[in-house]
């Protein structure tokens, strides 16, 4: 294997490793965002149910 071919091979490996690391980093950020978004939506649904329940209770009390 020639010196330049070996050097370009090592450069390619370094660049590939860098891309893989960046991909993993971005994947972690995206996964974290998705988790927060799902938690937010779940909380939103729970809060909406609670508000609806309280509105019904308030209507029932005011109608009496």
Protein backbone atom coordinates (compact mmCIF):
# COMPACT_ATOMS: atom_id res chain seq x y z
CA UNK A 1 0.00 0.00 0.00
CA UNK A 2 1.45 3.37 -0.94
CA UNK A 3 1.97 6.15 1.59
CA UNK A 4 -0.60 8.48 -0.02
CA UNK A 5 -3.18 5.73 -0.30
CA UNK A 6 -2.68 4.83 3.37
CA UNK A 7 -2.95 8.48 4.37
CA UNK A 8 -6.15 8.99 2.40
CA UNK A 9 -7.54 5.79 3.92
CA UNK A 10 -6.83 7.09 7.44
CA UNK A 11 -8.29 10.49 6.57
CA UNK A 12 -11.40 8.75 5.30
CA UNK A 13 -11.67 6.76 8.55
CA UNK A 14 -11.29 9.93 10.65
CA UNK A 15 -13.96 11.75 8.63
CA UNK A 16 -16.27 8.77 8.84
CA UNK A 17 -15.79 8.56 12.63
CA UNK A 18 -16.52 12.28 12.91
CA UNK A 19 -19.72 11.92 10.89
CA UNK A 20 -20.84 8.97 12.99
CA UNK A 21 -20.21 10.92 16.21
CA UNK A 22 -22.17 13.89 14.87
CA UNK A 23 -24.99 11.60 13.81
CA UNK A 24 -25.16 10.03 17.29
CA UNK A 25 -25.12 13.49 18.88
CA UNK A 26 -27.94 14.74 16.65
CA UNK A 27 -29.89 11.53 17.20
CA UNK A 28 -29.63 12.09 20.97
CA UNK A 29 -30.88 15.65 20.64
CA UNK A 30 -33.80 14.56 18.46
CA UNK A 31 -34.70 11.68 20.78
CA UNK A 32 -34.67 14.06 23.74
CA UNK A 33 -36.93 16.50 21.89
CA UNK A 34 -39.36 13.73 20.93
CA UNK A 35 -39.53 12.53 24.54
CA UNK A 36 -40.26 16.07 25.81
CA UNK A 37 -42.87 16.57 23.09
CA UNK A 38 -44.63 13.31 23.98
CA UNK A 39 -44.59 14.19 27.68
CA UNK A 40 -46.01 17.63 26.88
CA UNK A 41 -48.82 16.15 24.77
CA UNK A 42 -49.64 13.61 27.47
CA UNK A 43 -49.80 16.38 30.09
CA UNK A 44 -51.91 18.51 27.75
CA UNK A 45 -54.45 15.70 27.36
CA UNK A 46 -54.55 15.13 31.12
CA UNK A 47 -55.01 18.85 31.79
CA UNK A 48 -57.76 19.08 29.18
CA UNK A 49 -59.58 16.17 30.84
CA UNK A 50 -59.24 17.84 34.24
CA UNK A 51 -60.54 21.17 32.91
CA UNK A 52 -63.50 19.42 31.28
CA UNK A 53 -64.28 17.58 34.51
CA UNK A 54 -64.10 20.79 36.53
CA UNK A 55 -66.28 22.64 34.02
CA UNK A 56 -68.94 19.94 34.31
CA UNK A 57 -68.72 20.07 38.09
CA UNK A 58 -69.00 23.86 38.06
CA UNK A 59 -72.00 23.76 35.72
CA UNK A 60 -73.67 21.20 37.94
CA UNK A 61 -73.12 23.36 41.03
CA UNK A 62 -74.31 26.56 39.36
CA UNK A 63 -77.44 24.84 38.00
CA UNK A 64 -78.52 23.74 41.47
